[in-house]
Each structure stands twice: as C-alpha cells, then as structure tokens.
ModelCIF file with pLDDT and N, C-alpha, C, O atoms, coordinates in Angstrom:
data_MODEL
#
_entry.id   MODEL 
#
_entity.id                         1 
_entity.type                       polymer 
_entity.pdbx_number_of_molecules   1 
#
_entity_poly.entity_id                      1 
_entity_poly.type                           'polypeptide(L)' 
_entity_poly.nstd_linkage                   no 
_entity_poly.nstd_monomer                   no 
_entity_poly.pdbx_seq_one_letter_code       VSCISTYGISVNYLDSVKGRFTISRDSAKNMFYLQ 
_entity_poly.pdbx_seq_one_letter_code_can   VSCISTYGISVNYLDSVKGRFTISRDSAKNMFYLQ 
_entity_poly.pdbx_strand_id                 A 
#
loop_
_entity_poly_seq.entity_id 
_entity_poly_seq.num 
_entity_poly_seq.mon_id 
_entity_poly_seq.hetero 
1 1  VAL n 
1 2  SER n 
1 3  CYS n 
1 4  ILE n 
1 5  SER n 
1 6  THR n 
1 7  TYR n 
1 8  GLY n 
1 9  ILE n 
1 10 SER n 
1 11 VAL n 
1 12 ASN n 
1 13 TYR n 
1 14 LEU n 
1 15 ASP n 
1 16 SER n 
1 17 VAL n 
1 18 LYS n 
1 19 GLY n 
1 20 ARG n 
1 21 PHE n 
1 22 THR n 
1 23 ILE n 
1 24 SER n 
1 25 ARG n 
1 26 ASP n 
1 27 SER n 
1 28 ALA n 
1 29 LYS n 
1 30 ASN n 
1 31 MET n 
1 32 PHE n 
1 33 TYR n 
1 34 LEU n 
1 35 GLN n 
#
_struct_asym.id          A 
_struct_asym.entity_id   1 
#
loop_
_ma_qa_metric.id 
_ma_qa_metric.mode 
_ma_qa_metric.name 
_ma_qa_metric.software_group_id 
_ma_qa_metric.type 
1 global pLDDT . pLDDT 
2 local  pLDDT . pLDDT 
#
_ma_qa_metric_global.metric_id      1 
_ma_qa_metric_global.metric_value   96.14 
_ma_qa_metric_global.model_id       1 
_ma_qa_metric_global.ordinal_id     1 
#
loop_
_ma_qa_metric_local.label_asym_id 
_ma_qa_metric_local.label_comp_id 
_ma_qa_metric_local.label_seq_id 
_ma_qa_metric_local.metric_id 
_ma_qa_metric_local.metric_value 
_ma_qa_metric_local.model_id 
_ma_qa_metric_local.ordinal_id 
A VAL 1  2 98.00 1 1  
A SER 2  2 98.00 1 2  
A CYS 3  2 98.00 1 3  
A ILE 4  2 97.00 1 4  
A SER 5  2 95.00 1 5  
A THR 6  2 93.00 1 6  
A TYR 7  2 87.00 1 7  
A GLY 8  2 84.00 1 8  
A ILE 9  2 86.00 1 9  
A SER 10 2 93.00 1 10 
A VAL 11 2 96.00 1 11 
A ASN 12 2 97.00 1 12 
A TYR 13 2 98.00 1 13 
A LEU 14 2 98.00 1 14 
A ASP 15 2 98.00 1 15 
A SER 16 2 98.00 1 16 
A VAL 17 2 98.00 1 17 
A LYS 18 2 98.00 1 18 
A GLY 19 2 98.00 1 19 
A ARG 20 2 98.00 1 20 
A PHE 21 2 98.00 1 21 
A THR 22 2 98.00 1 22 
A ILE 23 2 98.00 1 23 
A SER 24 2 97.00 1 24 
A ARG 25 2 96.00 1 25 
A ASP 26 2 96.00 1 26 
A SER 27 2 95.00 1 27 
A ALA 28 2 97.00 1 28 
A LYS 29 2 98.00 1 29 
A ASN 30 2 97.00 1 30 
A MET 31 2 98.00 1 31 
A PHE 32 2 97.00 1 32 
A TYR 33 2 98.00 1 33 
A LEU 34 2 98.00 1 34 
A GLN 35 2 98.00 1 35 
#
loop_
_atom_site.group_PDB 
_atom_site.id 
_atom_site.type_symbol 
_atom_site.label_atom_id 
_atom_site.label_alt_id 
_atom_site.label_comp_id 
_atom_site.label_asym_id 
_atom_site.label_entity_id 
_atom_site.label_seq_id 
_atom_site.pdbx_PDB_ins_code 
_atom_site.Cartn_x 
_atom_site.Cartn_y 
_atom_site.Cartn_z 
_atom_site.occupancy 
_atom_site.B_iso_or_equiv 
_atom_site.pdbx_formal_charge 
_atom_site.auth_seq_id 
_atom_site.auth_comp_id 
_atom_site.auth_asym_id 
_atom_site.auth_atom_id 
_atom_site.pdbx_PDB_model_num 
ATOM 1   N N  . VAL A 1 1  ? -7.238  -13.871 13.555 1.00 98.00 ? 1  VAL A N  1 
ATOM 2   C CA . VAL A 1 1  ? -6.149  -13.916 12.588 1.00 98.00 ? 1  VAL A CA 1 
ATOM 3   C C  . VAL A 1 1  ? -6.037  -15.290 11.943 1.00 98.00 ? 1  VAL A C  1 
ATOM 4   O O  . VAL A 1 1  ? -5.944  -15.406 10.721 1.00 98.00 ? 1  VAL A O  1 
ATOM 5   N N  . SER A 1 2  ? -6.048  -16.324 12.769 1.00 98.00 ? 2  SER A N  1 
ATOM 6   C CA . SER A 1 2  ? -5.923  -17.681 12.264 1.00 98.00 ? 2  SER A CA 1 
ATOM 7   C C  . SER A 1 2  ? -6.414  -18.659 13.311 1.00 98.00 ? 2  SER A C  1 
ATOM 8   O O  . SER A 1 2  ? -6.364  -18.379 14.509 1.00 98.00 ? 2  SER A O  1 
ATOM 9   N N  . CYS A 1 3  ? -6.886  -19.803 12.859 1.00 98.00 ? 3  CYS A N  1 
ATOM 10  C CA . CYS A 1 3  ? -7.283  -20.859 13.780 1.00 98.00 ? 3  CYS A CA 1 
ATOM 11  C C  . CYS A 1 3  ? -7.093  -22.210 13.125 1.00 98.00 ? 3  CYS A C  1 
ATOM 12  O O  . CYS A 1 3  ? -7.058  -22.331 11.900 1.00 98.00 ? 3  CYS A O  1 
ATOM 13  N N  . ILE A 1 4  ? -6.971  -23.222 13.965 1.00 97.00 ? 4  ILE A N  1 
ATOM 14  C CA . ILE A 1 4  ? -6.901  -24.596 13.491 1.00 97.00 ? 4  ILE A CA 1 
ATOM 15  C C  . ILE A 1 4  ? -7.711  -25.457 14.446 1.00 97.00 ? 4  ILE A C  1 
ATOM 16  O O  . ILE A 1 4  ? -7.608  -25.322 15.665 1.00 97.00 ? 4  ILE A O  1 
ATOM 17  N N  . SER A 1 5  ? -8.517  -26.343 13.877 1.00 95.00 ? 5  SER A N  1 
ATOM 18  C CA . SER A 1 5  ? -9.375  -27.193 14.678 1.00 95.00 ? 5  SER A CA 1 
ATOM 19  C C  . SER A 1 5  ? -8.651  -28.460 15.094 1.00 95.00 ? 5  SER A C  1 
ATOM 20  O O  . SER A 1 5  ? -7.562  -28.765 14.609 1.00 95.00 ? 5  SER A O  1 
ATOM 21  N N  . THR A 1 6  ? -9.280  -29.190 16.004 1.00 93.00 ? 6  THR A N  1 
ATOM 22  C CA . THR A 1 6  ? -8.771  -30.516 16.340 1.00 93.00 ? 6  THR A CA 1 
ATOM 23  C C  . THR A 1 6  ? -8.720  -31.369 15.085 1.00 93.00 ? 6  THR A C  1 
ATOM 24  O O  . THR A 1 6  ? -9.600  -31.290 14.227 1.00 93.00 ? 6  THR A O  1 
ATOM 25  N N  . TYR A 1 7  ? -7.695  -32.172 14.989 1.00 87.00 ? 7  TYR A N  1 
ATOM 26  C CA . TYR A 1 7  ? -7.466  -33.070 13.855 1.00 87.00 ? 7  TYR A CA 1 
ATOM 27  C C  . TYR A 1 7  ? -7.286  -32.328 12.537 1.00 87.00 ? 7  TYR A C  1 
ATOM 28  O O  . TYR A 1 7  ? -7.312  -32.952 11.476 1.00 87.00 ? 7  TYR A O  1 
ATOM 29  N N  . GLY A 1 8  ? -7.108  -31.045 12.579 1.00 84.00 ? 8  GLY A N  1 
ATOM 30  C CA . GLY A 1 8  ? -6.912  -30.262 11.369 1.00 84.00 ? 8  GLY A CA 1 
ATOM 31  C C  . GLY A 1 8  ? -8.101  -30.258 10.440 1.00 84.00 ? 8  GLY A C  1 
ATOM 32  O O  . GLY A 1 8  ? -7.942  -30.089 9.231  1.00 84.00 ? 8  GLY A O  1 
ATOM 33  N N  . ILE A 1 9  ? -9.301  -30.443 10.985 1.00 86.00 ? 9  ILE A N  1 
ATOM 34  C CA . ILE A 1 9  ? -10.500 -30.452 10.157 1.00 86.00 ? 9  ILE A CA 1 
ATOM 35  C C  . ILE A 1 9  ? -10.655 -29.143 9.396  1.00 86.00 ? 9  ILE A C  1 
ATOM 36  O O  . ILE A 1 9  ? -11.093 -29.133 8.245  1.00 86.00 ? 9  ILE A O  1 
ATOM 37  N N  . SER A 1 10 ? -10.297 -28.054 10.037 1.00 93.00 ? 10 SER A N  1 
ATOM 38  C CA . SER A 1 10 ? -10.328 -26.772 9.358  1.00 93.00 ? 10 SER A CA 1 
ATOM 39  C C  . SER A 1 10 ? -9.143  -25.926 9.787  1.00 93.00 ? 10 SER A C  1 
ATOM 40  O O  . SER A 1 10 ? -8.704  -25.975 10.936 1.00 93.00 ? 10 SER A O  1 
ATOM 41  N N  . VAL A 1 11 ? -8.643  -25.161 8.857  1.00 96.00 ? 11 VAL A N  1 
ATOM 42  C CA . VAL A 1 11 ? -7.609  -24.165 9.114  1.00 96.00 ? 11 VAL A CA 1 
ATOM 43  C C  . VAL A 1 11 ? -8.063  -22.889 8.421  1.00 96.00 ? 11 VAL A C  1 
ATOM 44  O O  . VAL A 1 11 ? -8.314  -22.889 7.216  1.00 96.00 ? 11 VAL A O  1 
ATOM 45  N N  . ASN A 1 12 ? -8.167  -21.829 9.161  1.00 97.00 ? 12 ASN A N  1 
ATOM 46  C CA . ASN A 1 12 ? -8.700  -20.587 8.609  1.00 97.00 ? 12 ASN A CA 1 
ATOM 47  C C  . ASN A 1 12 ? -7.761  -19.423 8.873  1.00 97.00 ? 12 ASN A C  1 
ATOM 48  O O  . ASN A 1 12 ? -7.049  -19.384 9.877  1.00 97.00 ? 12 ASN A O  1 
ATOM 49  N N  . TYR A 1 13 ? -7.779  -18.477 7.943  1.00 98.00 ? 13 TYR A N  1 
ATOM 50  C CA . TYR A 1 13 ? -6.976  -17.276 8.061  1.00 98.00 ? 13 TYR A CA 1 
ATOM 51  C C  . TYR A 1 13 ? -7.796  -16.052 7.706  1.00 98.00 ? 13 TYR A C  1 
ATOM 52  O O  . TYR A 1 13 ? -8.660  -16.090 6.830  1.00 98.00 ? 13 TYR A O  1 
ATOM 53  N N  . LEU A 1 14 ? -7.508  -14.976 8.397  1.00 98.00 ? 14 LEU A N  1 
ATOM 54  C CA . LEU A 1 14 ? -8.018  -13.680 7.998  1.00 98.00 ? 14 LEU A CA 1 
ATOM 55  C C  . LEU A 1 14 ? -7.525  -13.384 6.586  1.00 98.00 ? 14 LEU A C  1 
ATOM 56  O O  . LEU A 1 14 ? -6.360  -13.628 6.271  1.00 98.00 ? 14 LEU A O  1 
ATOM 57  N N  . ASP A 1 15 ? -8.396  -12.863 5.745  1.00 98.00 ? 15 ASP A N  1 
ATOM 58  C CA . ASP A 1 15 ? -8.036  -12.640 4.346  1.00 98.00 ? 15 ASP A CA 1 
ATOM 59  C C  . ASP A 1 15 ? -6.749  -11.835 4.191  1.00 98.00 ? 15 ASP A C  1 
ATOM 60  O O  . ASP A 1 15 ? -5.931  -12.131 3.321  1.00 98.00 ? 15 ASP A O  1 
ATOM 61  N N  . SER A 1 16 ? -6.573  -10.837 5.019  1.00 98.00 ? 16 SER A N  1 
ATOM 62  C CA . SER A 1 16 ? -5.436  -9.948  4.868  1.00 98.00 ? 16 SER A CA 1 
ATOM 63  C C  . SER A 1 16 ? -4.099  -10.585 5.241  1.00 98.00 ? 16 SER A C  1 
ATOM 64  O O  . SER A 1 16 ? -3.048  -10.011 4.957  1.00 98.00 ? 16 SER A O  1 
ATOM 65  N N  . VAL A 1 17 ? -4.120  -11.762 5.872  1.00 98.00 ? 17 VAL A N  1 
ATOM 66  C CA . VAL A 1 17 ? -2.869  -12.421 6.241  1.00 98.00 ? 17 VAL A CA 1 
ATOM 67  C C  . VAL A 1 17 ? -2.626  -13.699 5.456  1.00 98.00 ? 17 VAL A C  1 
ATOM 68  O O  . VAL A 1 17 ? -1.592  -14.341 5.637  1.00 98.00 ? 17 VAL A O  1 
ATOM 69  N N  . LYS A 1 18 ? -3.544  -14.080 4.597  1.00 98.00 ? 18 LYS A N  1 
ATOM 70  C CA . LYS A 1 18 ? -3.368  -15.301 3.811  1.00 98.00 ? 18 LYS A CA 1 
ATOM 71  C C  . LYS A 1 18 ? -2.108  -15.214 2.960  1.00 98.00 ? 18 LYS A C  1 
ATOM 72  O O  . LYS A 1 18 ? -1.848  -14.205 2.304  1.00 98.00 ? 18 LYS A O  1 
ATOM 73  N N  . GLY A 1 19 ? -1.345  -16.277 2.984  1.00 98.00 ? 19 GLY A N  1 
ATOM 74  C CA . GLY A 1 19 ? -0.094  -16.308 2.248  1.00 98.00 ? 19 GLY A CA 1 
ATOM 75  C C  . GLY A 1 19 ? 1.075   -15.718 2.998  1.00 98.00 ? 19 GLY A C  1 
ATOM 76  O O  . GLY A 1 19 ? 2.219   -15.854 2.565  1.00 98.00 ? 19 GLY A O  1 
ATOM 77  N N  . ARG A 1 20 ? 0.811   -15.067 4.112  1.00 98.00 ? 20 ARG A N  1 
ATOM 78  C CA . ARG A 1 20 ? 1.872   -14.447 4.900  1.00 98.00 ? 20 ARG A CA 1 
ATOM 79  C C  . ARG A 1 20 ? 2.028   -15.079 6.282  1.00 98.00 ? 20 ARG A C  1 
ATOM 80  O O  . ARG A 1 20 ? 3.140   -15.147 6.807  1.00 98.00 ? 20 ARG A O  1 
ATOM 81  N N  . PHE A 1 21 ? 0.931   -15.540 6.872  1.00 98.00 ? 21 PHE A N  1 
ATOM 82  C CA . PHE A 1 21 ? 0.944   -16.105 8.216  1.00 98.00 ? 21 PHE A CA 1 
ATOM 83  C C  . PHE A 1 21 ? 0.651   -17.601 8.150  1.00 98.00 ? 21 PHE A C  1 
ATOM 84  O O  . PHE A 1 21 ? -0.093  -18.061 7.284  1.00 98.00 ? 21 PHE A O  1 
ATOM 85  N N  . THR A 1 22 ? 1.239   -18.347 9.070  1.00 98.00 ? 22 THR A N  1 
ATOM 86  C CA . THR A 1 22 ? 0.997   -19.777 9.164  1.00 98.00 ? 22 THR A CA 1 
ATOM 87  C C  . THR A 1 22 ? 0.805   -20.176 10.616 1.00 98.00 ? 22 THR A C  1 
ATOM 88  O O  . THR A 1 22 ? 1.631   -19.855 11.470 1.00 98.00 ? 22 THR A O  1 
ATOM 89  N N  . ILE A 1 23 ? -0.288  -20.876 10.892 1.00 98.00 ? 23 ILE A N  1 
ATOM 90  C CA . ILE A 1 23 ? -0.530  -21.392 12.234 1.00 98.00 ? 23 ILE A CA 1 
ATOM 91  C C  . ILE A 1 23 ? -0.086  -22.848 12.291 1.00 98.00 ? 23 ILE A C  1 
ATOM 92  O O  . ILE A 1 23 ? -0.258  -23.588 11.322 1.00 98.00 ? 23 ILE A O  1 
ATOM 93  N N  . SER A 1 24 ? 0.479   -23.258 13.413 1.00 97.00 ? 24 SER A N  1 
ATOM 94  C CA . SER A 1 24 ? 0.923   -24.635 13.566 1.00 97.00 ? 24 SER A CA 1 
ATOM 95  C C  . SER A 1 24 ? 0.827   -25.052 15.027 1.00 97.00 ? 24 SER A C  1 
ATOM 96  O O  . SER A 1 24 ? 0.752   -24.219 15.929 1.00 97.00 ? 24 SER A O  1 
ATOM 97  N N  . ARG A 1 25 ? 0.833   -26.357 15.232 1.00 96.00 ? 25 ARG A N  1 
ATOM 98  C CA . ARG A 1 25 ? 0.680   -26.926 16.569 1.00 96.00 ? 25 ARG A CA 1 
ATOM 99  C C  . ARG A 1 25 ? 1.793   -27.938 16.817 1.00 96.00 ? 25 ARG A C  1 
ATOM 100 O O  . ARG A 1 25 ? 2.129   -28.720 15.927 1.00 96.00 ? 25 ARG A O  1 
ATOM 101 N N  . ASP A 1 26 ? 2.358   -27.930 18.002 1.00 96.00 ? 26 ASP A N  1 
ATOM 102 C CA . ASP A 1 26 ? 3.358   -28.900 18.407 1.00 96.00 ? 26 ASP A CA 1 
ATOM 103 C C  . ASP A 1 26 ? 2.773   -29.687 19.569 1.00 96.00 ? 26 ASP A C  1 
ATOM 104 O O  . ASP A 1 26 ? 2.781   -29.227 20.711 1.00 96.00 ? 26 ASP A O  1 
ATOM 105 N N  . SER A 1 27 ? 2.267   -30.873 19.271 1.00 95.00 ? 27 SER A N  1 
ATOM 106 C CA . SER A 1 27 ? 1.593   -31.672 20.281 1.00 95.00 ? 27 SER A CA 1 
ATOM 107 C C  . SER A 1 27 ? 2.530   -32.079 21.416 1.00 95.00 ? 27 SER A C  1 
ATOM 108 O O  . SER A 1 27 ? 2.138   -32.069 22.583 1.00 95.00 ? 27 SER A O  1 
ATOM 109 N N  . ALA A 1 28 ? 3.758   -32.434 21.076 1.00 97.00 ? 28 ALA A N  1 
ATOM 110 C CA . ALA A 1 28 ? 4.707   -32.902 22.077 1.00 97.00 ? 28 ALA A CA 1 
ATOM 111 C C  . ALA A 1 28 ? 5.001   -31.833 23.118 1.00 97.00 ? 28 ALA A C  1 
ATOM 112 O O  . ALA A 1 28 ? 5.179   -32.143 24.296 1.00 97.00 ? 28 ALA A O  1 
ATOM 113 N N  . LYS A 1 29 ? 5.052   -30.580 22.690 1.00 98.00 ? 29 LYS A N  1 
ATOM 114 C CA . LYS A 1 29 ? 5.339   -29.475 23.598 1.00 98.00 ? 29 LYS A CA 1 
ATOM 115 C C  . LYS A 1 29 ? 4.085   -28.825 24.158 1.00 98.00 ? 29 LYS A C  1 
ATOM 116 O O  . LYS A 1 29 ? 4.169   -27.960 25.030 1.00 98.00 ? 29 LYS A O  1 
ATOM 117 N N  . ASN A 1 30 ? 2.927   -29.232 23.667 1.00 97.00 ? 30 ASN A N  1 
ATOM 118 C CA . ASN A 1 30 ? 1.662   -28.613 24.047 1.00 97.00 ? 30 ASN A CA 1 
ATOM 119 C C  . ASN A 1 30 ? 1.716   -27.098 23.813 1.00 97.00 ? 30 ASN A C  1 
ATOM 120 O O  . ASN A 1 30 ? 1.324   -26.301 24.665 1.00 97.00 ? 30 ASN A O  1 
ATOM 121 N N  . MET A 1 31 ? 2.210   -26.736 22.636 1.00 98.00 ? 31 MET A N  1 
ATOM 122 C CA . MET A 1 31 ? 2.341   -25.344 22.248 1.00 98.00 ? 31 MET A CA 1 
ATOM 123 C C  . MET A 1 31 ? 1.808   -25.145 20.835 1.00 98.00 ? 31 MET A C  1 
ATOM 124 O O  . MET A 1 31 ? 1.698   -26.100 20.065 1.00 98.00 ? 31 MET A O  1 
ATOM 125 N N  . PHE A 1 32 ? 1.484   -23.922 20.503 1.00 97.00 ? 32 PHE A N  1 
ATOM 126 C CA . PHE A 1 32 ? 1.194   -23.599 19.120 1.00 97.00 ? 32 PHE A CA 1 
ATOM 127 C C  . PHE A 1 32 ? 1.784   -22.250 18.759 1.00 97.00 ? 32 PHE A C  1 
ATOM 128 O O  . PHE A 1 32 ? 2.176   -21.467 19.624 1.00 97.00 ? 32 PHE A O  1 
ATOM 129 N N  . TYR A 1 33 ? 1.839   -21.993 17.436 1.00 98.00 ? 33 TYR A N  1 
ATOM 130 C CA . TYR A 1 33 ? 2.647   -20.907 16.920 1.00 98.00 ? 33 TYR A CA 1 
ATOM 131 C C  . TYR A 1 33 ? 1.919   -20.140 15.831 1.00 98.00 ? 33 TYR A C  1 
ATOM 132 O O  . TYR A 1 33 ? 0.976   -20.635 15.213 1.00 98.00 ? 33 TYR A O  1 
ATOM 133 N N  . LEU A 1 34 ? 2.378   -18.933 15.618 1.00 98.00 ? 34 LEU A N  1 
ATOM 134 C CA . LEU A 1 34 ? 1.958   -18.154 14.472 1.00 98.00 ? 34 LEU A CA 1 
ATOM 135 C C  . LEU A 1 34 ? 3.211   -17.594 13.810 1.00 98.00 ? 34 LEU A C  1 
ATOM 136 O O  . LEU A 1 34 ? 3.866   -16.704 14.352 1.00 98.00 ? 34 LEU A O  1 
ATOM 137 N N  . GLN A 1 35 ? 3.534   -18.116 12.647 1.00 98.00 ? 35 GLN A N  1 
ATOM 138 C CA . GLN A 1 35 ? 4.649   -17.618 11.867 1.00 98.00 ? 35 GLN A CA 1 
ATOM 139 C C  . GLN A 1 35 ? 4.148   -16.492 10.975 1.00 98.00 ? 35 GLN A C  1 
ATOM 140 O O  . GLN A 1 35 ? 4.926   -15.913 10.217 1.00 98.00 ? 35 GLN A O  1 
#
C-alpha cells in the first residue's frame, strides 16, 4: 500500500491509494502510521 525509506529517500504508494493515503513516521515514539 505504501512505504517510506530511511531518511525519506523514497516514499511510494499503490496507484489506487495515491492522494487518499499518507504514510508517516514518528521517531520519538518509534511508531508509524497510515492515514
């Protein structure tokens, strides 16, 4: 569905979710999300 690399070198989305889904990372909490 979506991925993000270390240092944000790449962020990719499945075509069908582009513009609708957002991946993010919270370093302080050691968590990540899919909105």
